[in-house]
Amino acid sequence: MAIKKTTTKKAPAKKSTSTVGISIFGGKAEQRKWEIESAMSTLQRAAEIQKNTKLMADVKKMAAEKAKEFNSIAAGKKI
Protein backbone atom coordinates (compact mmCIF):
# COMPACT_ATOMS: atom_id res chain seq x y z
CA MET A 1 0.00 0.00 0.00
CA ALA A 2 1.45 3.38 -0.99
CA ILE A 3 1.68 6.14 1.57
CA LYS A 4 0.47 9.49 0.41
CA LYS A 5 2.73 12.36 1.38
CA THR A 6 1.04 15.54 2.44
CA THR A 7 2.67 18.90 2.29
CA THR A 8 1.67 21.97 4.16
CA LYS A 9 1.88 25.34 2.56
CA LYS A 10 3.17 28.22 4.61
CA ALA A 11 1.17 31.40 4.54
CA PRO A 12 3.04 34.23 2.83
CA ALA A 13 4.62 36.75 5.18
CA LYS A 14 2.53 39.82 5.78
CA LYS A 15 3.85 42.98 4.29
CA SER A 16 3.98 46.03 6.48
CA THR A 17 1.49 48.67 5.53
CA SER A 18 3.37 51.35 7.44
CA THR A 19 4.89 54.12 5.36
CA VAL A 20 7.39 55.05 8.05
CA GLY A 21 10.80 53.43 7.41
CA ILE A 22 12.00 52.15 10.76
CA SER A 23 15.37 50.48 10.96
CA ILE A 24 16.27 48.28 13.89
CA PHE A 25 19.78 49.69 13.67
CA GLY A 26 18.76 53.34 13.70
CA GLY A 27 20.18 56.04 11.50
CA LYS A 28 23.72 57.34 11.40
CA ALA A 29 22.90 60.05 13.94
CA GLU A 30 21.49 57.45 16.34
CA GLN A 31 24.55 55.22 15.92
CA ARG A 32 26.86 58.17 16.51
CA LYS A 33 24.94 59.12 19.66
CA TRP A 34 25.29 55.55 20.96
CA GLU A 35 29.03 55.57 20.14
CA ILE A 36 29.52 58.84 22.05
CA GLU A 37 27.56 57.57 25.07
CA SER A 38 29.59 54.35 25.08
CA ALA A 39 32.89 56.25 24.90
CA MET A 40 31.79 58.54 27.70
CA SER A 41 30.91 55.55 29.86
CA THR A 42 34.29 53.96 29.09
CA LEU A 43 36.15 57.12 30.08
CA GLN A 44 34.17 57.38 33.32
CA ARG A 45 35.05 53.77 34.16
CA ALA A 46 38.72 54.41 33.33
CA ALA A 47 38.73 57.38 35.73
CA GLU A 48 37.23 55.17 38.47
CA ILE A 49 39.89 52.51 37.87
CA GLN A 50 42.71 55.08 37.97
CA LYS A 51 41.47 56.39 41.33
CA ASN A 52 41.59 52.87 42.81
CA THR A 53 45.27 52.62 43.78
CA LYS A 54 45.20 48.94 44.72
CA LEU A 55 43.53 47.96 41.46
CA MET A 56 45.92 50.13 39.44
CA ALA A 57 48.91 48.47 41.16
CA ASP A 58 47.55 45.07 40.11
CA VAL A 59 46.87 46.32 36.58
CA LYS A 60 50.43 47.63 36.27
CA LYS A 61 51.81 44.33 37.56
CA MET A 62 49.78 42.34 35.03
CA ALA A 63 50.74 44.74 32.23
CA ALA A 64 54.42 44.19 33.06
CA GLU A 65 53.92 40.41 32.96
CA LYS A 66 52.15 40.62 29.60
CA ALA A 67 54.86 42.91 28.21
CA LYS A 68 57.47 40.36 29.26
CA GLU A 69 55.53 37.60 27.47
CA PHE A 70 55.17 39.68 24.32
CA ASN A 71 58.87 40.57 24.34
CA SER A 72 59.68 36.86 24.55
CA ILE A 73 57.44 36.17 21.58
CA ALA A 74 58.97 39.06 19.62
CA ALA A 75 62.48 37.72 20.36
CA GLY A 76 61.44 34.31 19.06
CA LYS A 77 61.75 32.59 22.43
CA LYS A 78 59.37 29.89 23.60
CA ILE A 79 57.00 30.84 26.37
PDB file of N, CA and C in Angstrom:
ATOM      1  N   MET A   1       0.837  -1.172   0.000  1.00  0.00           N
ATOM      2  CA  MET A   1       0.000   0.000   0.000  1.00  0.00           C
ATOM      3  C   MET A   1       0.887   1.242   0.000  1.00  0.00           C
ATOM      4  N   ALA A   2       0.656   2.162  -0.881  1.00  0.00           N
ATOM      5  CA  ALA A   2       1.449   3.383  -0.992  1.00  0.00           C
ATOM      6  C   ALA A   2       1.001   4.398   0.047  1.00  0.00           C
ATOM      7  N   ILE A   3       1.975   5.099   0.592  1.00  0.00           N
ATOM      8  CA  ILE A   3       1.677   6.138   1.573  1.00  0.00           C
ATOM      9  C   ILE A   3       1.656   7.470   0.856  1.00  0.00           C
ATOM     10  N   LYS A   4       0.603   8.190   1.055  1.00  0.00           N
ATOM     11  CA  LYS A   4       0.465   9.492   0.413  1.00  0.00           C
ATOM     12  C   LYS A   4       1.139  10.560   1.267  1.00  0.00           C
ATOM     13  N   LYS A   5       2.049  11.284   0.664  1.00  0.00           N
ATOM     14  CA  LYS A   5       2.728  12.364   1.379  1.00  0.00           C
ATOM     15  C   LYS A   5       1.885  13.625   1.295  1.00  0.00           C
ATOM     16  N   THR A   6       1.773  14.268   2.427  1.00  0.00           N
ATOM     17  CA  THR A   6       1.044  15.539   2.442  1.00  0.00           C
ATOM     18  C   THR A   6       2.025  16.662   2.705  1.00  0.00           C
ATOM     19  N   THR A   7       1.826  17.719   2.067  1.00  0.00           N
ATOM     20  CA  THR A   7       2.666  18.895   2.285  1.00  0.00           C
ATOM     21  C   THR A   7       1.794  20.016   2.798  1.00  0.00           C
ATOM     22  N   THR A   8       2.398  20.819   3.659  1.00  0.00           N
ATOM     23  CA  THR A   8       1.671  21.972   4.161  1.00  0.00           C
ATOM     24  C   THR A   8       2.267  23.211   3.545  1.00  0.00           C
ATOM     25  N   LYS A   9       1.427  24.083   3.154  1.00  0.00           N
ATOM     26  CA  LYS A   9       1.883  25.339   2.562  1.00  0.00           C
ATOM     27  C   LYS A   9       1.936  26.402   3.644  1.00  0.00           C
ATOM     28  N   LYS A  10       3.031  27.127   3.654  1.00  0.00           N
ATOM     29  CA  LYS A  10       3.169  28.219   4.610  1.00  0.00           C
ATOM     30  C   LYS A  10       2.475  29.446   4.057  1.00  0.00           C
ATOM     31  N   ALA A  11       1.825  30.156   4.936  1.00  0.00           N
ATOM     32  CA  ALA A  11       1.170  31.395   4.537  1.00  0.00           C
ATOM     33  C   ALA A  11       2.240  32.422   4.209  1.00  0.00           C
ATOM     34  N   PRO A  12       2.041  33.209   3.167  1.00  0.00           N
ATOM     35  CA  PRO A  12       3.040  34.228   2.827  1.00  0.00           C
ATOM     36  C   PRO A  12       3.162  35.249   3.955  1.00  0.00           C
ATOM     37  N   ALA A  13       4.369  35.750   4.131  1.00  0.00           N
ATOM     38  CA  ALA A  13       4.624  36.747   5.179  1.00  0.00           C
ATOM     39  C   ALA A  13       3.834  38.006   4.882  1.00  0.00           C
ATOM     40  N   LYS A  14       3.296  38.582   5.950  1.00  0.00           N
ATOM     41  CA  LYS A  14       2.529  39.823   5.784  1.00  0.00           C
ATOM     42  C   LYS A  14       3.474  40.969   5.506  1.00  0.00           C
ATOM     43  N   LYS A  15       3.074  41.790   4.583  1.00  0.00           N
ATOM     44  CA  LYS A  15       3.853  42.982   4.286  1.00  0.00           C
ATOM     45  C   LYS A  15       3.367  44.121   5.168  1.00  0.00           C
ATOM     46  N   SER A  16       4.320  44.909   5.633  1.00  0.00           N
ATOM     47  CA  SER A  16       3.976  46.028   6.484  1.00  0.00           C
ATOM     48  C   SER A  16       3.270  47.091   5.660  1.00  0.00           C
ATOM     49  N   THR A  17       2.216  47.615   6.221  1.00  0.00           N
ATOM     50  CA  THR A  17       1.489  48.668   5.530  1.00  0.00           C
ATOM     51  C   THR A  17       1.948  50.048   5.983  1.00  0.00           C
ATOM     52  N   SER A  18       2.890  50.076   6.915  1.00  0.00           N
ATOM     53  CA  SER A  18       3.375  51.346   7.441  1.00  0.00           C
ATOM     54  C   SER A  18       4.230  52.050   6.395  1.00  0.00           C
ATOM     55  N   THR A  19       4.088  53.350   6.305  1.00  0.00           N
ATOM     56  CA  THR A  19       4.886  54.117   5.361  1.00  0.00           C
ATOM     57  C   THR A  19       6.136  54.693   6.010  1.00  0.00           C
ATOM     58  N   VAL A  20       6.238  54.529   7.330  1.00  0.00           N
ATOM     59  CA  VAL A  20       7.392  55.045   8.055  1.00  0.00           C
ATOM     60  C   VAL A  20       8.489  53.992   7.985  1.00  0.00           C
ATOM     61  N   GLY A  21       9.678  54.373   7.491  1.00  0.00           N
ATOM     62  CA  GLY A  21      10.795  53.433   7.411  1.00  0.00           C
ATOM     63  C   GLY A  21      11.530  53.372   8.735  1.00  0.00           C
ATOM     64  N   ILE A  22      11.345  52.298   9.472  1.00  0.00           N
ATOM     65  CA  ILE A  22      12.003  52.147  10.759  1.00  0.00           C
ATOM     66  C   ILE A  22      13.069  51.081  10.617  1.00  0.00           C
ATOM     67  N   SER A  23      14.261  51.427  11.010  1.00  0.00           N
ATOM     68  CA  SER A  23      15.368  50.480  10.965  1.00  0.00           C
ATOM     69  C   SER A  23      15.680  50.039  12.385  1.00  0.00           C
ATOM     70  N   ILE A  24      15.941  48.749  12.556  1.00  0.00           N
ATOM     71  CA  ILE A  24      16.275  48.275  13.891  1.00  0.00           C
ATOM     72  C   ILE A  24      17.652  48.749  14.312  1.00  0.00           C
ATOM     73  N   PHE A  25      18.447  49.208  13.369  1.00  0.00           N
ATOM     74  CA  PHE A  25      19.784  49.692  13.668  1.00  0.00           C
ATOM     75  C   PHE A  25      19.833  51.205  13.858  1.00  0.00           C
ATOM     76  N   GLY A  26      18.786  51.889  13.560  1.00  0.00           N
ATOM     77  CA  GLY A  26      18.759  53.341  13.700  1.00  0.00           C
ATOM     78  C   GLY A  26      19.531  54.005  12.572  1.00  0.00           C
ATOM     79  N   GLY A  27      19.456  55.299  12.523  1.00  0.00           N
ATOM     80  CA  GLY A  27      20.177  56.041  11.505  1.00  0.00           C
ATOM     81  C   GLY A  27      21.599  56.334  11.952  1.00  0.00           C
ATOM     82  N   LYS A  28      22.325  57.004  11.083  1.00  0.00           N
ATOM     83  CA  LYS A  28      23.716  57.342  11.401  1.00  0.00           C
ATOM     84  C   LYS A  28      23.814  58.233  12.634  1.00  0.00           C
ATOM     85  N   ALA A  29      22.888  59.142  12.782  1.00  0.00           N
ATOM     86  CA  ALA A  29      22.900  60.048  13.939  1.00  0.00           C
ATOM     87  C   ALA A  29      22.671  59.254  15.229  1.00  0.00           C
ATOM     88  N   GLU A  30      21.772  58.277  15.172  1.00  0.00           N
ATOM     89  CA  GLU A  30      21.491  57.449  16.343  1.00  0.00           C
ATOM     90  C   GLU A  30      22.703  56.577  16.691  1.00  0.00           C
ATOM     91  N   GLN A  31      23.356  56.034  15.688  1.00  0.00           N
ATOM     92  CA  GLN A  31      24.553  55.224  15.917  1.00  0.00           C
ATOM     93  C   GLN A  31      25.674  56.070  16.503  1.00  0.00           C
ATOM     94  N   ARG A  32      25.820  57.266  16.003  1.00  0.00           N
ATOM     95  CA  ARG A  32      26.864  58.170  16.511  1.00  0.00           C
ATOM     96  C   ARG A  32      26.582  58.537  17.971  1.00  0.00           C
ATOM     97  N   LYS A  33      25.310  58.789  18.295  1.00  0.00           N
ATOM     98  CA  LYS A  33      24.940  59.120  19.665  1.00  0.00           C
ATOM     99  C   LYS A  33      25.286  57.952  20.592  1.00  0.00           C
ATOM    100  N   TRP A  34      24.970  56.728  20.157  1.00  0.00           N
ATOM    101  CA  TRP A  34      25.294  55.554  20.960  1.00  0.00           C
ATOM    102  C   TRP A  34      26.807  55.423  21.141  1.00  0.00           C
ATOM    103  N   GLU A  35      27.574  55.655  20.071  1.00  0.00           N
ATOM    104  CA  GLU A  35      29.033  55.569  20.144  1.00  0.00           C
ATOM    105  C   GLU A  35      29.599  56.573  21.142  1.00  0.00           C
ATOM    106  N   ILE A  36      29.063  57.791  21.132  1.00  0.00           N
ATOM    107  CA  ILE A  36      29.518  58.840  22.050  1.00  0.00           C
ATOM    108  C   ILE A  36      29.179  58.464  23.489  1.00  0.00           C
ATOM    109  N   GLU A  37      27.958  57.976  23.721  1.00  0.00           N
ATOM    110  CA  GLU A  37      27.561  57.571  25.071  1.00  0.00           C
ATOM    111  C   GLU A  37      28.429  56.424  25.579  1.00  0.00           C
ATOM    112  N   SER A  38      28.747  55.482  24.705  1.00  0.00           N
ATOM    113  CA  SER A  38      29.591  54.353  25.080  1.00  0.00           C
ATOM    114  C   SER A  38      31.002  54.819  25.430  1.00  0.00           C
ATOM    115  N   ALA A  39      31.548  55.716  24.635  1.00  0.00           N
ATOM    116  CA  ALA A  39      32.889  56.250  24.895  1.00  0.00           C
ATOM    117  C   ALA A  39      32.916  57.011  26.217  1.00  0.00           C
ATOM    118  N   MET A  40      31.868  57.775  26.468  1.00  0.00           N
ATOM    119  CA  MET A  40      31.792  58.543  27.702  1.00  0.00           C
ATOM    120  C   MET A  40      31.757  57.600  28.907  1.00  0.00           C
ATOM    121  N   SER A  41      30.994  56.537  28.791  1.00  0.00           N
ATOM    122  CA  SER A  41      30.909  55.545  29.859  1.00  0.00           C
ATOM    123  C   SER A  41      32.268  54.877  30.078  1.00  0.00           C
ATOM    124  N   THR A  42      32.968  54.572  29.006  1.00  0.00           N
ATOM    125  CA  THR A  42      34.288  53.957  29.094  1.00  0.00           C
ATOM    126  C   THR A  42      35.273  54.873  29.795  1.00  0.00           C
ATOM    127  N   LEU A  43      35.245  56.153  29.447  1.00  0.00           N
ATOM    128  CA  LEU A  43      36.148  57.118  30.078  1.00  0.00           C
ATOM    129  C   LEU A  43      35.837  57.297  31.560  1.00  0.00           C
ATOM    130  N   GLN A  44      34.553  57.273  31.911  1.00  0.00           N
ATOM    131  CA  GLN A  44      34.174  57.377  33.319  1.00  0.00           C
ATOM    132  C   GLN A  44      34.681  56.163  34.089  1.00  0.00           C
ATOM    133  N   ARG A  45      34.564  54.990  33.507  1.00  0.00           N
ATOM    134  CA  ARG A  45      35.050  53.769  34.156  1.00  0.00           C
ATOM    135  C   ARG A  45      36.568  53.817  34.298  1.00  0.00           C
ATOM    136  N   ALA A  46      37.259  54.301  33.262  1.00  0.00           N
ATOM    137  CA  ALA A  46      38.717  54.410  33.334  1.00  0.00           C
ATOM    138  C   ALA A  46      39.141  55.345  34.467  1.00  0.00           C
ATOM    139  N   ALA A  47      38.424  56.440  34.645  1.00  0.00           N
ATOM    140  CA  ALA A  47      38.734  57.378  35.726  1.00  0.00           C
ATOM    141  C   ALA A  47      38.537  56.703  37.082  1.00  0.00           C
ATOM    142  N   GLU A  48      37.473  55.899  37.214  1.00  0.00           N
ATOM    143  CA  GLU A  48      37.229  55.174  38.465  1.00  0.00           C
ATOM    144  C   GLU A  48      38.361  54.185  38.740  1.00  0.00           C
ATOM    145  N   ILE A  49      38.813  53.488  37.718  1.00  0.00           N
ATOM    146  CA  ILE A  49      39.891  52.511  37.868  1.00  0.00           C
ATOM    147  C   ILE A  49      41.182  53.211  38.290  1.00  0.00           C
ATOM    148  N   GLN A  50      41.479  54.349  37.663  1.00  0.00           N
ATOM    149  CA  GLN A  50      42.708  55.077  37.969  1.00  0.00           C
ATOM    150  C   GLN A  50      42.713  55.606  39.400  1.00  0.00           C
ATOM    151  N   LYS A  51      41.559  55.903  39.948  1.00  0.00           N
ATOM    152  CA  LYS A  51      41.473  56.387  41.329  1.00  0.00           C
ATOM    153  C   LYS A  51      41.675  55.267  42.347  1.00  0.00           C
ATOM    154  N   ASN A  52      41.454  54.033  41.936  1.00  0.00           N
ATOM    155  CA  ASN A  52      41.586  52.871  42.812  1.00  0.00           C
ATOM    156  C   ASN A  52      43.053  52.421  42.796  1.00  0.00           C
ATOM    157  N   THR A  53      43.822  52.860  43.789  1.00  0.00           N
ATOM    158  CA  THR A  53      45.270  52.625  43.784  1.00  0.00           C
ATOM    159  C   THR A  53      45.639  51.144  43.858  1.00  0.00           C
ATOM    160  N   LYS A  54      44.888  50.370  44.628  1.00  0.00           N
ATOM    161  CA  LYS A  54      45.200  48.942  44.716  1.00  0.00           C
ATOM    162  C   LYS A  54      44.956  48.257  43.374  1.00  0.00           C
ATOM    163  N   LEU A  55      43.837  48.547  42.759  1.00  0.00           N
ATOM    164  CA  LEU A  55      43.528  47.955  41.461  1.00  0.00           C
ATOM    165  C   LEU A  55      44.562  48.370  40.415  1.00  0.00           C
ATOM    166  N   MET A  56      44.928  49.648  40.412  1.00  0.00           N
ATOM    167  CA  MET A  56      45.920  50.126  39.442  1.00  0.00           C
ATOM    168  C   MET A  56      47.271  49.445  39.645  1.00  0.00           C
ATOM    169  N   ALA A  57      47.657  49.182  40.902  1.00  0.00           N
ATOM    170  CA  ALA A  57      48.910  48.475  41.159  1.00  0.00           C
ATOM    171  C   ALA A  57      48.853  47.073  40.548  1.00  0.00           C
ATOM    172  N   ASP A  58      47.707  46.406  40.693  1.00  0.00           N
ATOM    173  CA  ASP A  58      47.546  45.074  40.106  1.00  0.00           C
ATOM    174  C   ASP A  58      47.522  45.126  38.581  1.00  0.00           C
ATOM    175  N   VAL A  59      46.909  46.150  38.041  1.00  0.00           N
ATOM    176  CA  VAL A  59      46.869  46.323  36.584  1.00  0.00           C
ATOM    177  C   VAL A  59      48.279  46.525  36.041  1.00  0.00           C
ATOM    178  N   LYS A  60      49.057  47.376  36.706  1.00  0.00           N
ATOM    179  CA  LYS A  60      50.434  47.626  36.266  1.00  0.00           C
ATOM    180  C   LYS A  60      51.275  46.358  36.349  1.00  0.00           C
ATOM    181  N   LYS A  61      51.071  45.574  37.404  1.00  0.00           N
ATOM    182  CA  LYS A  61      51.807  44.326  37.562  1.00  0.00           C
ATOM    183  C   LYS A  61      51.478  43.371  36.404  1.00  0.00           C
ATOM    184  N   MET A  62      50.189  43.229  36.116  1.00  0.00           N
ATOM    185  CA  MET A  62      49.785  42.343  35.027  1.00  0.00           C
ATOM    186  C   MET A  62      50.287  42.853  33.681  1.00  0.00           C
ATOM    187  N   ALA A  63      50.253  44.153  33.480  1.00  0.00           N
ATOM    188  CA  ALA A  63      50.740  44.736  32.227  1.00  0.00           C
ATOM    189  C   ALA A  63      52.225  44.434  32.044  1.00  0.00           C
ATOM    190  N   ALA A  64      52.997  44.502  33.137  1.00  0.00           N
ATOM    191  CA  ALA A  64      54.424  44.195  33.062  1.00  0.00           C
ATOM    192  C   ALA A  64      54.641  42.727  32.696  1.00  0.00           C
ATOM    193  N   GLU A  65      53.823  41.829  33.279  1.00  0.00           N
ATOM    194  CA  GLU A  65      53.916  40.407  32.960  1.00  0.00           C
ATOM    195  C   GLU A  65      53.595  40.155  31.486  1.00  0.00           C
ATOM    196  N   LYS A  66      52.543  40.790  30.998  1.00  0.00           N
ATOM    197  CA  LYS A  66      52.149  40.624  29.595  1.00  0.00           C
ATOM    198  C   LYS A  66      53.221  41.177  28.665  1.00  0.00           C
ATOM    199  N   ALA A  67      53.806  42.317  29.026  1.00  0.00           N
ATOM    200  CA  ALA A  67      54.857  42.914  28.207  1.00  0.00           C
ATOM    201  C   ALA A  67      56.047  41.964  28.118  1.00  0.00           C
ATOM    202  N   LYS A  68      56.366  41.323  29.231  1.00  0.00           N
ATOM    203  CA  LYS A  68      57.473  40.363  29.259  1.00  0.00           C
ATOM    204  C   LYS A  68      57.170  39.189  28.315  1.00  0.00           C
ATOM    205  N   GLU A  69      55.936  38.691  28.364  1.00  0.00           N
ATOM    206  CA  GLU A  69      55.527  37.599  27.473  1.00  0.00           C
ATOM    207  C   GLU A  69      55.637  38.020  26.011  1.00  0.00           C
ATOM    208  N   PHE A  70      55.143  39.204  25.704  1.00  0.00           N
ATOM    209  CA  PHE A  70      55.174  39.683  24.322  1.00  0.00           C
ATOM    210  C   PHE A  70      56.595  39.900  23.832  1.00  0.00           C
ATOM    211  N   ASN A  71      57.465  40.393  24.713  1.00  0.00           N
ATOM    212  CA  ASN A  71      58.866  40.575  24.339  1.00  0.00           C
ATOM    213  C   ASN A  71      59.524  39.233  24.039  1.00  0.00           C
ATOM    214  N   SER A  72      59.154  38.209  24.803  1.00  0.00           N
ATOM    215  CA  SER A  72      59.675  36.862  24.545  1.00  0.00           C
ATOM    216  C   SER A  72      59.221  36.353  23.180  1.00  0.00           C
ATOM    217  N   ILE A  73      57.979  36.588  22.868  1.00  0.00           N
ATOM    218  CA  ILE A  73      57.444  36.172  21.579  1.00  0.00           C
ATOM    219  C   ILE A  73      58.154  36.932  20.460  1.00  0.00           C
ATOM    220  N   ALA A  74      58.318  38.239  20.634  1.00  0.00           N
ATOM    221  CA  ALA A  74      58.971  39.059  19.620  1.00  0.00           C
ATOM    222  C   ALA A  74      60.408  38.635  19.398  1.00  0.00           C
ATOM    223  N   ALA A  75      61.076  38.151  20.466  1.00  0.00           N
ATOM    224  CA  ALA A  75      62.476  37.717  20.360  1.00  0.00           C
ATOM    225  C   ALA A  75      62.572  36.299  19.810  1.00  0.00           C
ATOM    226  N   GLY A  76      61.437  35.656  19.615  1.00  0.00           N
ATOM    227  CA  GLY A  76      61.441  34.312  19.060  1.00  0.00           C
ATOM    228  C   GLY A  76      61.671  33.227  20.097  1.00  0.00           C
ATOM    229  N   LYS A  77      61.554  33.568  21.360  1.00  0.00           N
ATOM    230  CA  LYS A  77      61.754  32.586  22.430  1.00  0.00           C
ATOM    231  C   LYS A  77      60.441  31.868  22.710  1.00  0.00           C
ATOM    232  N   LYS A  78      60.555  30.634  23.195  1.00  0.00           N
ATOM    233  CA  LYS A  78      59.370  29.887  23.597  1.00  0.00           C
ATOM    234  C   LYS A  78      58.881  30.399  24.944  1.00  0.00           C
ATOM    235  N   ILE A  79      57.600  30.364  25.118  1.00  0.00           N
ATOM    236  CA  ILE A  79      56.998  30.841  26.372  1.00  0.00           C
ATOM    237  C   ILE A  79      57.046  29.741  27.407  1.00  0.00           C
TER     238      ILE A  79
END
